[in-house]
Amino acid sequence: MKDYNISYNKNCPCTQKQCPIRGNCVLCIQNHLEHKRHIPECIQNLLRKDVENLSKMMELKTEDQRPNEEFWEKIDLESLVKSSLEKHKK
């Protein structure tokens, strides 16, 4: 984890060790809001049980779709950090 002088959580519960903005809550939430792929892991843990129960009642599936190692190998980590920092400054 790297401190970008914005927000730093040295006890970040995220399991995505390769993520260059892991532990930087502001950049992380901002990134997740922009991409709309999934909710950050730290919030998933708070919601998981309720969402699973709702999903069962609605006959939907709940699948773990967190990024895997293959995802992190393909993504440009430096670009992710740069774009997150630029958006934060706006």
PDB file of N, CA and C in Angstrom:
ATOM      1  N   MET A   1       0.836  -1.180   0.000  1.00  0.00           N
ATOM      2  CA  MET A   1       0.000   0.000   0.000  1.00  0.00           C
ATOM      3  C   MET A   1       0.878   1.239   0.000  1.00  0.00           C
ATOM      4  N   LYS A   2       0.440   2.231  -0.732  1.00  0.00           N
ATOM      5  CA  LYS A   2       1.199   3.462  -0.827  1.00  0.00           C
ATOM      6  C   LYS A   2       0.324   4.642  -0.426  1.00  0.00           C
ATOM      7  N   ASP A   3       0.884   5.554   0.327  1.00  0.00           N
ATOM      8  CA  ASP A   3       0.177   6.749   0.773  1.00  0.00           C
ATOM      9  C   ASP A   3       0.330   7.835  -0.286  1.00  0.00           C
ATOM     10  N   TYR A   4      -0.773   8.281  -0.858  1.00  0.00           N
ATOM     11  CA  TYR A   4      -0.746   9.352  -1.856  1.00  0.00           C
ATOM     12  C   TYR A   4      -1.165  10.681  -1.236  1.00  0.00           C
ATOM     13  N   ASN A   5      -1.022  10.803   0.079  1.00  0.00           N
ATOM     14  CA  ASN A   5      -1.372  12.009   0.837  1.00  0.00           C
ATOM     15  C   ASN A   5      -2.833  12.401   0.674  1.00  0.00           C
ATOM     16  N   ILE A   6      -3.713  11.428   0.570  1.00  0.00           N
ATOM     17  CA  ILE A   6      -5.145  11.705   0.443  1.00  0.00           C
ATOM     18  C   ILE A   6      -5.894  11.043   1.589  1.00  0.00           C
ATOM     19  N   SER A   7      -5.860   9.762   1.633  1.00  0.00           N
ATOM     20  CA  SER A   7      -6.548   8.988   2.655  1.00  0.00           C
ATOM     21  C   SER A   7      -5.806   7.665   2.731  1.00  0.00           C
ATOM     22  N   TYR A   8      -5.406   7.268   3.895  1.00  0.00           N
ATOM     23  CA  TYR A   8      -4.590   6.065   3.994  1.00  0.00           C
ATOM     24  C   TYR A   8      -5.068   5.204   5.150  1.00  0.00           C
ATOM     25  N   ASN A   9      -5.390   3.966   4.865  1.00  0.00           N
ATOM     26  CA  ASN A   9      -5.849   3.028   5.873  1.00  0.00           C
ATOM     27  C   ASN A   9      -4.886   1.852   5.905  1.00  0.00           C
ATOM     28  N   LYS A  10      -3.997   1.844   6.872  1.00  0.00           N
ATOM     29  CA  LYS A  10      -3.009   0.759   6.945  1.00  0.00           C
ATOM     30  C   LYS A  10      -3.644  -0.572   7.340  1.00  0.00           C
ATOM     31  N   ASN A  11      -4.909  -0.544   7.774  1.00  0.00           N
ATOM     32  CA  ASN A  11      -5.625  -1.770   8.131  1.00  0.00           C
ATOM     33  C   ASN A  11      -6.695  -2.110   7.101  1.00  0.00           C
ATOM     34  N   CYS A  12      -6.480  -1.738   5.866  1.00  0.00           N
ATOM     35  CA  CYS A  12      -7.444  -1.981   4.789  1.00  0.00           C
ATOM     36  C   CYS A  12      -7.751  -3.487   4.696  1.00  0.00           C
ATOM     37  N   PRO A  13      -9.035  -3.855   4.718  1.00  0.00           N
ATOM     38  CA  PRO A  13      -9.396  -5.275   4.667  1.00  0.00           C
ATOM     39  C   PRO A  13      -9.431  -5.868   3.255  1.00  0.00           C
ATOM     40  N   CYS A  14      -9.169  -5.068   2.246  1.00  0.00           N
ATOM     41  CA  CYS A  14      -9.241  -5.544   0.869  1.00  0.00           C
ATOM     42  C   CYS A  14      -8.213  -6.648   0.619  1.00  0.00           C
ATOM     43  N   THR A  15      -8.645  -7.684  -0.092  1.00  0.00           N
ATOM     44  CA  THR A  15      -7.750  -8.809  -0.385  1.00  0.00           C
ATOM     45  C   THR A  15      -6.969  -8.608  -1.678  1.00  0.00           C
ATOM     46  N   GLN A  16      -7.239  -7.509  -2.395  1.00  0.00           N
ATOM     47  CA  GLN A  16      -6.586  -7.245  -3.681  1.00  0.00           C
ATOM     48  C   GLN A  16      -5.211  -6.620  -3.449  1.00  0.00           C
ATOM     49  N   LYS A  17      -4.272  -7.459  -3.075  1.00  0.00           N
ATOM     50  CA  LYS A  17      -2.929  -6.992  -2.697  1.00  0.00           C
ATOM     51  C   LYS A  17      -2.196  -6.269  -3.825  1.00  0.00           C
ATOM     52  N   GLN A  18      -2.507  -6.601  -5.084  1.00  0.00           N
ATOM     53  CA  GLN A  18      -1.820  -5.976  -6.217  1.00  0.00           C
ATOM     54  C   GLN A  18      -2.346  -4.584  -6.537  1.00  0.00           C
ATOM     55  N   CYS A  19      -3.516  -4.231  -6.043  1.00  0.00           N
ATOM     56  CA  CYS A  19      -4.129  -2.956  -6.395  1.00  0.00           C
ATOM     57  C   CYS A  19      -3.270  -1.792  -5.887  1.00  0.00           C
ATOM     58  N   PRO A  20      -2.885  -0.890  -6.780  1.00  0.00           N
ATOM     59  CA  PRO A  20      -1.993   0.201  -6.379  1.00  0.00           C
ATOM     60  C   PRO A  20      -2.663   1.273  -5.523  1.00  0.00           C
ATOM     61  N   ILE A  21      -4.004   1.274  -5.434  1.00  0.00           N
ATOM     62  CA  ILE A  21      -4.664   2.267  -4.583  1.00  0.00           C
ATOM     63  C   ILE A  21      -5.278   1.613  -3.345  1.00  0.00           C
ATOM     64  N   ARG A  22      -4.934   0.363  -3.092  1.00  0.00           N
ATOM     65  CA  ARG A  22      -5.405  -0.341  -1.892  1.00  0.00           C
ATOM     66  C   ARG A  22      -4.968   0.437  -0.654  1.00  0.00           C
ATOM     67  N   GLY A  23      -5.915   0.678   0.238  1.00  0.00           N
ATOM     68  CA  GLY A  23      -5.621   1.403   1.471  1.00  0.00           C
ATOM     69  C   GLY A  23      -5.870   2.894   1.359  1.00  0.00           C
ATOM     70  N   ASN A  24      -6.071   3.386   0.157  1.00  0.00           N
ATOM     71  CA  ASN A  24      -6.383   4.800  -0.066  1.00  0.00           C
ATOM     72  C   ASN A  24      -7.887   4.893  -0.311  1.00  0.00           C
ATOM     73  N   CYS A  25      -8.642   5.050   0.767  1.00  0.00           N
ATOM     74  CA  CYS A  25     -10.102   4.942   0.720  1.00  0.00           C
ATOM     75  C   CYS A  25     -10.742   5.904  -0.274  1.00  0.00           C
ATOM     76  N   VAL A  26     -10.295   7.146  -0.304  1.00  0.00           N
ATOM     77  CA  VAL A  26     -10.892   8.131  -1.209  1.00  0.00           C
ATOM     78  C   VAL A  26     -10.702   7.699  -2.659  1.00  0.00           C
ATOM     79  N   LEU A  27      -9.486   7.348  -3.039  1.00  0.00           N
ATOM     80  CA  LEU A  27      -9.223   6.930  -4.418  1.00  0.00           C
ATOM     81  C   LEU A  27      -9.960   5.634  -4.758  1.00  0.00           C
ATOM     82  N   CYS A  28     -10.021   4.740  -3.804  1.00  0.00           N
ATOM     83  CA  CYS A  28     -10.677   3.447  -4.024  1.00  0.00           C
ATOM     84  C   CYS A  28     -12.169   3.642  -4.287  1.00  0.00           C
ATOM     85  N   ILE A  29     -12.849   4.344  -3.401  1.00  0.00           N
ATOM     86  CA  ILE A  29     -14.291   4.562  -3.563  1.00  0.00           C
ATOM     87  C   ILE A  29     -14.556   5.325  -4.858  1.00  0.00           C
ATOM     88  N   GLN A  30     -13.760   6.334  -5.115  1.00  0.00           N
ATOM     89  CA  GLN A  30     -13.899   7.126  -6.340  1.00  0.00           C
ATOM     90  C   GLN A  30     -13.772   6.233  -7.571  1.00  0.00           C
ATOM     91  N   ASN A  31     -12.794   5.355  -7.567  1.00  0.00           N
ATOM     92  CA  ASN A  31     -12.558   4.443  -8.685  1.00  0.00           C
ATOM     93  C   ASN A  31     -13.740   3.480  -8.865  1.00  0.00           C
ATOM     94  N   HIS A  32     -14.232   2.937  -7.774  1.00  0.00           N
ATOM     95  CA  HIS A  32     -15.356   2.003  -7.849  1.00  0.00           C
ATOM     96  C   HIS A  32     -16.632   2.703  -8.324  1.00  0.00           C
ATOM     97  N   LEU A  33     -16.856   3.918  -7.883  1.00  0.00           N
ATOM     98  CA  LEU A  33     -18.035   4.668  -8.332  1.00  0.00           C
ATOM     99  C   LEU A  33     -17.973   4.939  -9.833  1.00  0.00           C
ATOM    100  N   GLU A  34     -16.802   5.258 -10.306  1.00  0.00           N
ATOM    101  CA  GLU A  34     -16.635   5.577 -11.725  1.00  0.00           C
ATOM    102  C   GLU A  34     -16.841   4.347 -12.611  1.00  0.00           C
ATOM    103  N   HIS A  35     -16.236   3.226 -12.232  1.00  0.00           N
ATOM    104  CA  HIS A  35     -16.270   2.030 -13.082  1.00  0.00           C
ATOM    105  C   HIS A  35     -17.550   1.211 -12.933  1.00  0.00           C
ATOM    106  N   LYS A  36     -18.202   1.320 -11.805  1.00  0.00           N
ATOM    107  CA  LYS A  36     -19.485   0.647 -11.540  1.00  0.00           C
ATOM    108  C   LYS A  36     -19.446  -0.861 -11.789  1.00  0.00           C
ATOM    109  N   ARG A  37     -18.285  -1.488 -11.565  1.00  0.00           N
ATOM    110  CA  ARG A  37     -18.182  -2.939 -11.733  1.00  0.00           C
ATOM    111  C   ARG A  37     -18.669  -3.670 -10.492  1.00  0.00           C
ATOM    112  N   HIS A  38     -18.252  -3.196  -9.357  1.00  0.00           N
ATOM    113  CA  HIS A  38     -18.631  -3.846  -8.111  1.00  0.00           C
ATOM    114  C   HIS A  38     -18.376  -2.891  -6.943  1.00  0.00           C
ATOM    115  N   ILE A  39     -18.867  -3.266  -5.787  1.00  0.00           N
ATOM    116  CA  ILE A  39     -18.698  -2.475  -4.571  1.00  0.00           C
ATOM    117  C   ILE A  39     -17.338  -2.828  -3.968  1.00  0.00           C
ATOM    118  N   PRO A  40     -16.618  -1.857  -3.405  1.00  0.00           N
ATOM    119  CA  PRO A  40     -15.329  -2.160  -2.767  1.00  0.00           C
ATOM    120  C   PRO A  40     -15.472  -3.260  -1.716  1.00  0.00           C
ATOM    121  N   GLU A  41     -14.446  -4.070  -1.580  1.00  0.00           N
ATOM    122  CA  GLU A  41     -14.491  -5.215  -0.661  1.00  0.00           C
ATOM    123  C   GLU A  41     -14.827  -4.830   0.776  1.00  0.00           C
ATOM    124  N   CYS A  42     -14.322  -3.689   1.231  1.00  0.00           N
ATOM    125  CA  CYS A  42     -14.576  -3.295   2.621  1.00  0.00           C
ATOM    126  C   CYS A  42     -16.067  -3.066   2.862  1.00  0.00           C
ATOM    127  N   ILE A  43     -16.800  -2.659   1.831  1.00  0.00           N
ATOM    128  CA  ILE A  43     -18.237  -2.458   1.961  1.00  0.00           C
ATOM    129  C   ILE A  43     -18.989  -3.760   1.685  1.00  0.00           C
ATOM    130  N   GLN A  44     -18.438  -4.602   0.823  1.00  0.00           N
ATOM    131  CA  GLN A  44     -19.076  -5.889   0.522  1.00  0.00           C
ATOM    132  C   GLN A  44     -19.281  -6.704   1.794  1.00  0.00           C
ATOM    133  N   ASN A  45     -18.265  -6.707   2.653  1.00  0.00           N
ATOM    134  CA  ASN A  45     -18.366  -7.486   3.885  1.00  0.00           C
ATOM    135  C   ASN A  45     -19.522  -7.015   4.758  1.00  0.00           C
ATOM    136  N   LEU A  46     -19.830  -5.723   4.710  1.00  0.00           N
ATOM    137  CA  LEU A  46     -20.939  -5.186   5.496  1.00  0.00           C
ATOM    138  C   LEU A  46     -22.294  -5.591   4.904  1.00  0.00           C
ATOM    139  N   LEU A  47     -22.360  -5.724   3.601  1.00  0.00           N
ATOM    140  CA  LEU A  47     -23.622  -5.959   2.905  1.00  0.00           C
ATOM    141  C   LEU A  47     -23.882  -7.413   2.498  1.00  0.00           C
ATOM    142  N   ARG A  48     -22.846  -8.232   2.497  1.00  0.00           N
ATOM    143  CA  ARG A  48     -22.927  -9.575   1.911  1.00  0.00           C
ATOM    144  C   ARG A  48     -24.137 -10.391   2.380  1.00  0.00           C
ATOM    145  N   LYS A  49     -24.349 -10.526   3.674  1.00  0.00           N
ATOM    146  CA  LYS A  49     -25.435 -11.363   4.198  1.00  0.00           C
ATOM    147  C   LYS A  49     -26.798 -10.852   3.744  1.00  0.00           C
ATOM    148  N   ASP A  50     -27.000  -9.530   3.838  1.00  0.00           N
ATOM    149  CA  ASP A  50     -28.285  -8.959   3.438  1.00  0.00           C
ATOM    150  C   ASP A  50     -28.537  -9.154   1.946  1.00  0.00           C
ATOM    151  N   VAL A  51     -27.511  -8.947   1.137  1.00  0.00           N
ATOM    152  CA  VAL A  51     -27.655  -9.108  -0.310  1.00  0.00           C
ATOM    153  C   VAL A  51     -27.919 -10.570  -0.657  1.00  0.00           C
ATOM    154  N   GLU A  52     -27.244 -11.490   0.003  1.00  0.00           N
ATOM    155  CA  GLU A  52     -27.480 -12.910  -0.257  1.00  0.00           C
ATOM    156  C   GLU A  52     -28.918 -13.287   0.067  1.00  0.00           C
ATOM    157  N   ASN A  53     -29.421 -12.792   1.206  1.00  0.00           N
ATOM    158  CA  ASN A  53     -30.802 -13.095   1.587  1.00  0.00           C
ATOM    159  C   ASN A  53     -31.797 -12.507   0.589  1.00  0.00           C
ATOM    160  N   LEU A  54     -31.575 -11.263   0.174  1.00  0.00           N
ATOM    161  CA  LEU A  54     -32.445 -10.637  -0.830  1.00  0.00           C
ATOM    162  C   LEU A  54     -32.377 -11.392  -2.155  1.00  0.00           C
ATOM    163  N   SER A  55     -31.187 -11.795  -2.523  1.00  0.00           N
ATOM    164  CA  SER A  55     -30.985 -12.508  -3.773  1.00  0.00           C
ATOM    165  C   SER A  55     -31.765 -13.825  -3.784  1.00  0.00           C
ATOM    166  N   LYS A  56     -31.735 -14.530  -2.689  1.00  0.00           N
ATOM    167  CA  LYS A  56     -32.467 -15.799  -2.605  1.00  0.00           C
ATOM    168  C   LYS A  56     -33.964 -15.558  -2.733  1.00  0.00           C
ATOM    169  N   MET A  57     -34.456 -14.502  -2.110  1.00  0.00           N
ATOM    170  CA  MET A  57     -35.884 -14.198  -2.175  1.00  0.00           C
ATOM    171  C   MET A  57     -36.297 -13.806  -3.595  1.00  0.00           C
ATOM    172  N   MET A  58     -35.372 -13.239  -4.356  1.00  0.00           N
ATOM    173  CA  MET A  58     -35.666 -12.801  -5.722  1.00  0.00           C
ATOM    174  C   MET A  58     -35.202 -13.808  -6.766  1.00  0.00           C
ATOM    175  N   GLU A  59     -34.701 -14.941  -6.314  1.00  0.00           N
ATOM    176  CA  GLU A  59     -34.226 -16.008  -7.198  1.00  0.00           C
ATOM    177  C   GLU A  59     -33.105 -15.530  -8.116  1.00  0.00           C
ATOM    178  N   LEU A  60     -32.206 -14.757  -7.557  1.00  0.00           N
ATOM    179  CA  LEU A  60     -31.031 -14.298  -8.284  1.00  0.00           C
ATOM    180  C   LEU A  60     -29.807 -15.040  -7.784  1.00  0.00           C
ATOM    181  N   LYS A  61     -28.729 -14.981  -8.539  1.00  0.00           N
ATOM    182  CA  LYS A  61     -27.485 -15.614  -8.130  1.00  0.00           C
ATOM    183  C   LYS A  61     -26.538 -14.574  -7.567  1.00  0.00           C
ATOM    184  N   THR A  62     -25.749 -14.977  -6.586  1.00  0.00           N
ATOM    185  CA  THR A  62     -24.684 -14.118  -6.075  1.00  0.00           C
ATOM    186  C   THR A  62     -23.377 -14.826  -6.348  1.00  0.00           C
ATOM    187  N   GLU A  63     -22.505 -14.157  -7.086  1.00  0.00           N
ATOM    188  CA  GLU A  63     -21.227 -14.748  -7.452  1.00  0.00           C
ATOM    189  C   GLU A  63     -20.098 -13.810  -7.052  1.00  0.00           C
ATOM    190  N   ASP A  64     -19.005 -14.380  -6.688  1.00  0.00           N
ATOM    191  CA  ASP A  64     -17.818 -13.598  -6.357  1.00  0.00           C
ATOM    192  C   ASP A  64     -17.153 -13.185  -7.669  1.00  0.00           C
ATOM    193  N   GLN A  65     -17.164 -11.886  -7.959  1.00  0.00           N
ATOM    194  CA  GLN A  65     -16.589 -11.410  -9.211  1.00  0.00           C
ATOM    195  C   GLN A  65     -15.435 -10.447  -8.972  1.00  0.00           C
ATOM    196  N   ARG A  66     -14.755 -10.645  -7.843  1.00  0.00           N
ATOM    197  CA  ARG A  66     -13.611  -9.779  -7.564  1.00  0.00           C
ATOM    198  C   ARG A  66     -12.490 -10.037  -8.557  1.00  0.00           C
ATOM    199  N   PRO A  67     -11.660  -9.025  -8.824  1.00  0.00           N
ATOM    200  CA  PRO A  67     -10.543  -9.202  -9.756  1.00  0.00           C
ATOM    201  C   PRO A  67      -9.600 -10.312  -9.289  1.00  0.00           C
ATOM    202  N   ASN A  68      -9.141 -11.107 -10.241  1.00  0.00           N
ATOM    203  CA  ASN A  68      -8.187 -12.163  -9.922  1.00  0.00           C
ATOM    204  C   ASN A  68      -6.796 -11.745 -10.406  1.00  0.00           C
ATOM    205  N   GLU A  69      -5.825 -12.625 -10.236  1.00  0.00           N
ATOM    206  CA  GLU A  69      -4.449 -12.290 -10.629  1.00  0.00           C
ATOM    207  C   GLU A  69      -4.334 -11.969 -12.113  1.00  0.00           C
ATOM    208  N   GLU A  70      -5.088 -12.673 -12.925  1.00  0.00           N
ATOM    209  CA  GLU A  70      -5.054 -12.436 -14.368  1.00  0.00           C
ATOM    210  C   GLU A  70      -5.480 -10.995 -14.686  1.00  0.00           C
ATOM    211  N   PHE A  71      -6.484 -10.493 -13.989  1.00  0.00           N
ATOM    212  CA  PHE A  71      -6.932  -9.112 -14.165  1.00  0.00           C
ATOM    213  C   PHE A  71      -5.800  -8.140 -13.852  1.00  0.00           C
ATOM    214  N   TRP A  72      -5.120  -8.358 -12.722  1.00  0.00           N
ATOM    215  CA  TRP A  72      -4.061  -7.431 -12.297  1.00  0.00           C
ATOM    216  C   TRP A  72      -2.849  -7.489 -13.213  1.00  0.00           C
ATOM    217  N   GLU A  73      -2.630  -8.629 -13.862  1.00  0.00           N
ATOM    218  CA  GLU A  73      -1.517  -8.738 -14.808  1.00  0.00           C
ATOM    219  C   GLU A  73      -1.789  -7.946 -16.088  1.00  0.00           C
ATOM    220  N   LYS A  74      -3.045  -7.809 -16.472  1.00  0.00           N
ATOM    221  CA  LYS A  74      -3.420  -7.128 -17.707  1.00  0.00           C
ATOM    222  C   LYS A  74      -3.544  -5.615 -17.546  1.00  0.00           C
ATOM    223  N   ILE A  75      -3.862  -5.147 -16.363  1.00  0.00           N
ATOM    224  CA  ILE A  75      -4.155  -3.723 -16.161  1.00  0.00           C
ATOM    225  C   ILE A  75      -2.869  -2.905 -15.991  1.00  0.00           C
ATOM    226  N   ASP A  76      -2.899  -1.684 -16.462  1.00  0.00           N
ATOM    227  CA  ASP A  76      -1.775  -0.755 -16.306  1.00  0.00           C
ATOM    228  C   ASP A  76      -1.917  -0.077 -14.941  1.00  0.00           C
ATOM    229  N   LEU A  77      -1.180  -0.564 -13.956  1.00  0.00           N
ATOM    230  CA  LEU A  77      -1.309  -0.078 -12.583  1.00  0.00           C
ATOM    231  C   LEU A  77      -0.951   1.396 -12.452  1.00  0.00           C
ATOM    232  N   GLU A  78       0.088   1.810 -13.129  1.00  0.00           N
ATOM    233  CA  GLU A  78       0.516   3.208 -13.061  1.00  0.00           C
ATOM    234  C   GLU A  78      -0.565   4.130 -13.620  1.00  0.00           C
ATOM    235  N   SER A  79      -1.176   3.721 -14.692  1.00  0.00           N
ATOM    236  CA  SER A  79      -2.250   4.504 -15.309  1.00  0.00           C
ATOM    237  C   SER A  79      -3.453   4.606 -14.373  1.00  0.00           C
ATOM    238  N   LEU A  80      -3.771   3.516 -13.689  1.00  0.00           N
ATOM    239  CA  LEU A  80      -4.877   3.522 -12.740  1.00  0.00           C
ATOM    240  C   LEU A  80      -4.639   4.549 -11.638  1.00  0.00           C
ATOM    241  N   VAL A  81      -3.438   4.572 -11.098  1.00  0.00           N
ATOM    242  CA  VAL A  81      -3.091   5.521 -10.048  1.00  0.00           C
ATOM    243  C   VAL A  81      -3.154   6.952 -10.580  1.00  0.00           C
ATOM    244  N   LYS A  82      -2.556   7.183 -11.739  1.00  0.00           N
ATOM    245  CA  LYS A  82      -2.531   8.529 -12.308  1.00  0.00           C
ATOM    246  C   LYS A  82      -3.940   9.059 -12.557  1.00  0.00           C
ATOM    247  N   SER A  83      -4.787   8.255 -13.154  1.00  0.00           N
ATOM    248  CA  SER A  83      -6.147   8.714 -13.455  1.00  0.00           C
ATOM    249  C   SER A  83      -6.943   8.942 -12.169  1.00  0.00           C
ATOM    250  N   SER A  84      -6.732   8.108 -11.168  1.00  0.00           N
ATOM    251  CA  SER A  84      -7.423   8.290  -9.885  1.00  0.00           C
ATOM    252  C   SER A  84      -6.986   9.577  -9.212  1.00  0.00           C
ATOM    253  N   LEU A  85      -5.688   9.844  -9.239  1.00  0.00           N
ATOM    254  CA  LEU A  85      -5.182  11.075  -8.622  1.00  0.00           C
ATOM    255  C   LEU A  85      -5.672  12.309  -9.367  1.00  0.00           C
ATOM    256  N   GLU A  86      -5.703  12.251 -10.695  1.00  0.00           N
ATOM    257  CA  GLU A  86      -6.168  13.391 -11.501  1.00  0.00           C
ATOM    258  C   GLU A  86      -7.637  13.690 -11.215  1.00  0.00           C
ATOM    259  N   LYS A  87      -8.447  12.656 -11.133  1.00  0.00           N
ATOM    260  CA  LYS A  87      -9.873  12.843 -10.849  1.00  0.00           C
ATOM    261  C   LYS A  87     -10.090  13.385  -9.444  1.00  0.00           C
ATOM    262  N   HIS A  88      -9.263  12.981  -8.524  1.00  0.00           N
ATOM    263  CA  HIS A  88      -9.390  13.458  -7.150  1.00  0.00           C
ATOM    264  C   HIS A  88      -9.124  14.956  -7.065  1.00  0.00           C
ATOM    265  N   LYS A  89      -8.211  15.455  -7.885  1.00  0.00           N
ATOM    266  CA  LYS A  89      -7.842  16.877  -7.854  1.00  0.00           C
ATOM    267  C   LYS A  89      -8.953  17.769  -8.384  1.00  0.00           C
ATOM    268  N   LYS A  90      -9.869  17.213  -9.195  1.00  0.00           N
ATOM    269  CA  LYS A  90     -10.938  18.017  -9.803  1.00  0.00           C
ATOM    270  C   LYS A  90     -11.971  18.436  -8.797  1.00  0.00           C
TER     271      LYS A  90
END
